[in-house]
């Protein structure tokens, strides 16, 4: 082979380069040096879907992003609060399997924006049932139509929760939330999961991890991490303390090459949000 014709010192460098190109360690394992941190581990072909390997498909989440017309936020919050009440009544009566996890207004990032996280117990059948109910139920349809006059743009995604993140649960009191959204390079979701399954352990002590999701319908290869803090100062101290823990820097080094774009938004819960 061509490698055997090279001088011995060249063969050593080439052999090392081939090994680094074939694999790079996940965070928490021994590193071959700075070059290995720049490379992404090759994912072997599998007959099992990546979503099945990373999550439980029986629970679907919907992330709604609504951009509100300037000056219409109070009317919008009133509308969505009434809408949430109507949905909650139908869910309690067994007519729907749709549950609001959290509702927030963005204060740093996109202005005049609200984000809502819904949970559907029962998979996509529950999603289909909810869609049909919103068409057939005149009260729900009227609220949705009214809301449309208050918006300048909106979009939604169906998500699955990462199995290694904690399940989202209501927080009492008043908290600041941060949603960090990552657009990953296609084909890197398993590698992201491998590294964050370890990285999340560095962020559990302060109970700041609220939920982690990846998209299934809508904008694809999109990951959302939701964090919960007391305030911005608490956020700063918590994030800085993570860098003092051995292994966190390795996790960051291995996940950064997977990212094609990212965004951070600071949010506060709306009055009717189940989590505060």
Protein backbone atom coordinates (compact mmCIF):
# COMPACT_ATOMS: atom_id res chain seq x y z
CA UNK A 1 0.00 0.00 0.00
CA UNK A 2 1.06 3.66 -0.42
CA UNK A 3 1.58 4.12 3.32
CA UNK A 4 4.30 1.44 3.38
CA UNK A 5 6.41 3.41 0.85
CA UNK A 6 6.67 6.46 3.10
CA UNK A 7 9.63 7.04 5.47
CA UNK A 8 9.00 5.66 8.96
CA UNK A 9 8.35 9.07 10.57
CA UNK A 10 5.85 9.93 7.82
CA UNK A 11 4.11 6.59 8.26
CA UNK A 12 3.61 7.37 11.98
CA UNK A 13 1.99 10.77 11.28
CA UNK A 14 -0.20 9.38 8.50
CA UNK A 15 -1.31 6.45 10.64
CA UNK A 16 -2.26 8.80 13.48
CA UNK A 17 -4.19 11.01 11.05
CA UNK A 18 -6.17 8.02 9.72
CA UNK A 19 -7.12 7.00 13.25
CA UNK A 20 -8.28 10.51 14.10
CA UNK A 21 -10.38 10.72 10.95
CA UNK A 22 -12.16 7.47 11.77
CA UNK A 23 -13.22 8.33 15.31
CA UNK A 24 -13.13 10.98 17.98
CA UNK A 25 -13.87 10.26 21.65
CA UNK A 26 -17.08 11.42 23.26
CA UNK A 27 -16.85 13.75 26.22
CA UNK A 28 -15.55 12.23 29.41
CA UNK A 29 -13.17 9.81 27.65
CA UNK A 30 -9.45 10.15 27.05
CA UNK A 31 -8.52 12.52 24.23
CA UNK A 32 -5.88 12.07 21.53
CA UNK A 33 -5.17 15.81 21.65
CA UNK A 34 -6.47 19.06 20.26
CA UNK A 35 -6.96 17.72 16.71
CA UNK A 36 -9.40 15.02 17.85
CA UNK A 37 -11.64 17.69 19.39
CA UNK A 38 -12.21 19.20 15.95
CA UNK A 39 -13.43 15.95 14.40
CA UNK A 40 -16.82 14.27 14.65
CA UNK A 41 -17.14 10.56 15.31
CA UNK A 42 -18.54 8.54 12.42
CA UNK A 43 -21.96 7.05 13.22
CA UNK A 44 -22.33 3.47 12.08
CA UNK A 45 -25.42 2.56 10.00
CA UNK A 46 -28.36 1.22 12.01
CA UNK A 47 -31.76 -0.25 11.22
CA UNK A 48 -33.30 1.59 14.18
CA UNK A 49 -34.44 5.20 13.76
CA UNK A 50 -32.40 7.84 15.56
CA UNK A 51 -35.53 9.19 17.25
CA UNK A 52 -36.29 5.76 18.72
CA UNK A 53 -32.75 5.56 20.08
CA UNK A 54 -33.00 8.97 21.76
CA UNK A 55 -36.58 9.28 23.01
CA UNK A 56 -39.98 7.81 23.83
CA UNK A 57 -42.30 8.37 20.88
CA UNK A 58 -45.49 7.93 22.87
CA UNK A 59 -45.29 11.53 24.09
CA UNK A 60 -45.21 14.33 21.53
CA UNK A 61 -44.44 17.96 22.36
CA UNK A 62 -45.38 20.99 20.32
CA UNK A 63 -43.36 24.19 20.47
CA UNK A 64 -45.38 27.18 19.27
CA UNK A 65 -43.62 30.46 18.53
CA UNK A 66 -45.90 33.47 18.12
CA UNK A 67 -44.70 36.92 17.07
CA UNK A 68 -47.24 39.43 18.39
CA UNK A 69 -48.13 42.71 16.71
CA UNK A 70 -46.55 45.68 18.45
CA UNK A 71 -48.94 47.06 21.08
CA UNK A 72 -51.20 43.97 21.10
CA UNK A 73 -49.45 41.89 23.77
CA UNK A 74 -52.08 42.45 26.51
CA UNK A 75 -54.92 41.37 24.20
CA UNK A 76 -52.87 38.39 23.05
CA UNK A 77 -52.12 37.21 26.61
CA UNK A 78 -55.82 37.50 27.48
CA UNK A 79 -56.78 35.49 24.39
CA UNK A 80 -54.25 32.74 25.03
CA UNK A 81 -55.19 32.50 28.70
CA UNK A 82 -58.85 31.93 27.74
CA UNK A 83 -57.77 29.44 25.09
CA UNK A 84 -55.67 27.51 27.62
CA UNK A 85 -58.66 27.37 29.98
CA UNK A 86 -60.90 25.94 27.25
CA UNK A 87 -58.35 23.27 26.31
CA UNK A 88 -57.74 22.37 29.98
CA UNK A 89 -61.49 21.82 30.50
CA UNK A 90 -61.69 19.45 27.53
CA UNK A 91 -58.57 17.58 28.62
CA UNK A 92 -60.00 17.14 32.15
CA UNK A 93 -63.20 15.79 30.60
CA UNK A 94 -61.25 13.24 28.57
CA UNK A 95 -62.05 14.88 25.23
CA UNK A 96 -58.44 15.83 24.55
CA UNK A 97 -54.99 14.58 25.56
CA UNK A 98 -53.37 18.01 25.23
CA UNK A 99 -51.63 19.63 28.19
CA UNK A 100 -49.85 22.97 28.47
CA UNK A 101 -46.37 22.51 29.96
CA UNK A 102 -45.27 26.13 29.90
CA UNK A 103 -46.00 29.51 28.35
CA UNK A 104 -43.48 32.36 28.25
CA UNK A 105 -42.92 35.86 26.92
CA UNK A 106 -39.47 36.52 25.46
CA UNK A 107 -37.74 39.53 27.03
CA UNK A 108 -34.22 39.16 25.59
CA UNK A 109 -33.92 38.01 22.00
CA UNK A 110 -36.88 38.34 19.66
CA UNK A 111 -39.12 41.07 21.06
CA UNK A 112 -42.94 40.83 21.16
CA UNK A 113 -42.66 37.05 21.05
CA UNK A 114 -44.34 34.32 23.09
CA UNK A 115 -43.40 30.65 23.26
CA UNK A 116 -45.76 27.86 24.31
CA UNK A 117 -44.88 24.23 25.01
CA UNK A 118 -47.69 21.67 24.72
CA UNK A 119 -47.61 17.98 25.59
CA UNK A 120 -49.68 15.29 23.82
CA UNK A 121 -50.02 12.02 25.71
CA UNK A 122 -50.69 9.20 23.27
CA UNK A 123 -48.36 10.03 20.39
CA UNK A 124 -49.46 11.39 17.04
CA UNK A 125 -52.98 10.05 17.48
CA UNK A 126 -53.45 12.59 20.29
CA UNK A 127 -52.07 15.27 17.97
CA UNK A 128 -54.54 14.28 15.23
CA UNK A 129 -57.44 14.26 17.70
CA UNK A 130 -56.52 17.74 18.94
CA UNK A 131 -56.35 19.10 15.39
CA UNK A 132 -59.79 17.70 14.57
CA UNK A 133 -61.21 19.14 17.78
CA UNK A 134 -59.90 22.60 16.92
CA UNK A 135 -61.72 22.39 13.58
CA UNK A 136 -65.01 21.03 14.91
CA UNK A 137 -65.24 22.95 18.21
CA UNK A 138 -66.62 26.42 17.42
CA UNK A 139 -65.41 27.93 20.69
CA UNK A 140 -61.81 26.83 20.15
CA UNK A 141 -61.93 27.82 16.48
CA UNK A 142 -63.18 31.30 17.40
CA UNK A 143 -60.34 31.84 19.86
CA UNK A 144 -57.76 30.72 17.31
CA UNK A 145 -59.27 33.03 14.70
CA UNK A 146 -59.26 35.97 17.12
CA UNK A 147 -55.64 35.28 17.98
CA UNK A 148 -54.66 35.42 14.31
CA UNK A 149 -55.58 39.11 14.16
CA UNK A 150 -53.07 39.83 16.94
CA UNK A 151 -50.08 38.11 15.30
CA UNK A 152 -47.60 39.13 12.64
CA UNK A 153 -45.99 35.68 12.27
CA UNK A 154 -46.06 32.21 13.87
CA UNK A 155 -44.59 28.76 13.44
CA UNK A 156 -44.64 25.44 15.27
CA UNK A 157 -42.65 22.23 15.59
CA UNK A 158 -43.42 18.76 16.86
CA UNK A 159 -40.68 17.57 19.19
CA UNK A 160 -39.51 14.52 21.09
CA UNK A 161 -37.89 14.75 24.50
CA UNK A 162 -34.35 13.48 24.99
CA UNK A 163 -34.57 10.47 27.32
CA UNK A 164 -31.50 11.56 29.33
CA UNK A 165 -32.95 15.00 30.18
CA UNK A 166 -35.32 15.34 33.13
CA UNK A 167 -39.02 15.29 32.29
CA UNK A 168 -40.40 18.87 32.40
CA UNK A 169 -42.20 19.48 35.68
CA UNK A 170 -43.89 22.65 37.02
CA UNK A 171 -41.71 25.00 39.05
CA UNK A 172 -43.25 27.11 41.80
CA UNK A 173 -42.29 30.69 42.56
CA UNK A 174 -40.96 33.07 39.93
CA UNK A 175 -38.14 32.03 37.62
CA UNK A 176 -36.23 33.17 34.59
CA UNK A 177 -36.15 30.66 31.72
CA UNK A 178 -33.66 30.40 28.90
CA UNK A 179 -34.30 28.49 25.69
CA UNK A 180 -31.12 27.70 23.79
CA UNK A 181 -31.89 26.51 20.27
CA UNK A 182 -29.31 24.74 18.09
CA UNK A 183 -29.47 23.96 14.38
CA UNK A 184 -27.36 20.84 13.92
CA UNK A 185 -25.62 19.62 10.82
CA UNK A 186 -27.64 16.78 9.19
CA UNK A 187 -26.56 13.35 10.43
CA UNK A 188 -25.14 14.52 13.77
CA UNK A 189 -28.11 14.00 16.12
CA UNK A 190 -26.82 10.73 17.60
CA UNK A 191 -23.40 12.26 18.19
CA UNK A 192 -25.10 15.19 19.95
CA UNK A 193 -27.08 12.78 22.11
CA UNK A 194 -23.99 10.72 22.97
CA UNK A 195 -22.18 13.79 24.29
CA UNK A 196 -25.11 15.48 26.05
CA UNK A 197 -26.07 12.26 27.82
CA UNK A 198 -22.81 12.83 29.71
CA UNK A 199 -22.84 16.63 29.71
CA UNK A 200 -26.23 16.91 31.43
CA UNK A 201 -24.71 15.42 34.60
CA UNK A 202 -22.53 18.53 34.96
CA UNK A 203 -25.69 20.70 35.08
CA UNK A 204 -27.91 18.76 37.50
CA UNK A 205 -26.64 20.03 40.85
CA UNK A 206 -28.45 23.37 40.65
CA UNK A 207 -31.65 21.83 39.24
CA UNK A 208 -31.46 24.30 36.35
CA UNK A 209 -32.15 21.72 33.62
CA UNK A 210 -35.85 22.02 32.75
CA UNK A 211 -36.22 20.05 29.48
CA UNK A 212 -34.41 19.03 26.30
CA UNK A 213 -36.01 18.29 22.90
CA UNK A 214 -35.22 17.59 19.26
CA UNK A 215 -37.51 18.28 16.33
CA UNK A 216 -39.46 15.70 14.35
CA UNK A 217 -41.78 17.83 12.21
CA UNK A 218 -41.13 21.39 11.11
CA UNK A 219 -37.58 22.75 11.09
CA UNK A 220 -35.46 19.59 11.30
CA UNK A 221 -32.20 18.89 13.13
CA UNK A 222 -33.30 21.54 15.62
CA UNK A 223 -32.47 21.01 19.31
CA UNK A 224 -33.98 23.04 22.16
CA UNK A 225 -32.57 23.09 25.70
CA UNK A 226 -34.67 24.86 28.36
CA UNK A 227 -32.98 26.06 31.55
CA UNK A 228 -34.52 27.52 34.68
CA UNK A 229 -32.78 30.11 36.89
CA UNK A 230 -33.68 32.53 39.67
CA UNK A 231 -32.43 35.53 37.67
CA UNK A 232 -29.65 36.59 35.29
CA UNK A 233 -27.04 36.68 38.06
CA UNK A 234 -27.92 33.11 39.05
CA UNK A 235 -27.62 32.12 35.38
CA UNK A 236 -24.15 33.68 35.18
CA UNK A 237 -22.90 31.95 38.34
CA UNK A 238 -24.36 28.57 37.36
CA UNK A 239 -22.86 28.62 33.88
CA UNK A 240 -19.45 29.69 35.18
CA UNK A 241 -19.43 26.93 37.80
CA UNK A 242 -19.94 24.30 35.07
CA UNK A 243 -16.56 25.23 33.59
CA UNK A 244 -14.89 24.41 36.91
CA UNK A 245 -15.99 20.77 36.69
CA UNK A 246 -13.53 18.44 34.94
CA UNK A 247 -15.07 17.08 31.74
CA UNK A 248 -17.45 19.93 30.88
CA UNK A 249 -14.87 21.51 28.56
CA UNK A 250 -14.52 18.18 26.74
CA UNK A 251 -18.26 18.02 26.14
CA UNK A 252 -18.31 21.53 24.73
CA UNK A 253 -15.32 20.78 22.50
CA UNK A 254 -17.06 17.74 20.99
CA UNK A 255 -20.46 19.36 20.44
CA UNK A 256 -19.40 22.69 18.94
CA UNK A 257 -18.38 21.14 15.57
CA UNK A 258 -21.90 19.67 15.24
CA UNK A 259 -23.63 23.08 15.30
CA UNK A 260 -24.63 25.01 12.20
CA UNK A 261 -26.34 27.85 14.09
CA UNK A 262 -27.62 28.71 17.54
CA UNK A 263 -29.84 31.17 19.41
CA UNK A 264 -30.48 32.09 23.04
CA UNK A 265 -33.66 33.73 24.36
CA UNK A 266 -34.52 34.84 27.89
CA UNK A 267 -38.16 34.34 28.92
CA UNK A 268 -40.53 34.87 31.84
CA UNK A 269 -43.63 32.76 32.41
CA UNK A 270 -47.05 34.11 31.50
CA UNK A 271 -49.65 34.33 34.32
CA UNK A 272 -51.53 31.18 33.23
CA UNK A 273 -48.39 29.07 32.67
CA UNK A 274 -48.40 25.84 34.75
CA UNK A 275 -44.69 26.34 35.43
CA UNK A 276 -43.51 29.60 36.91
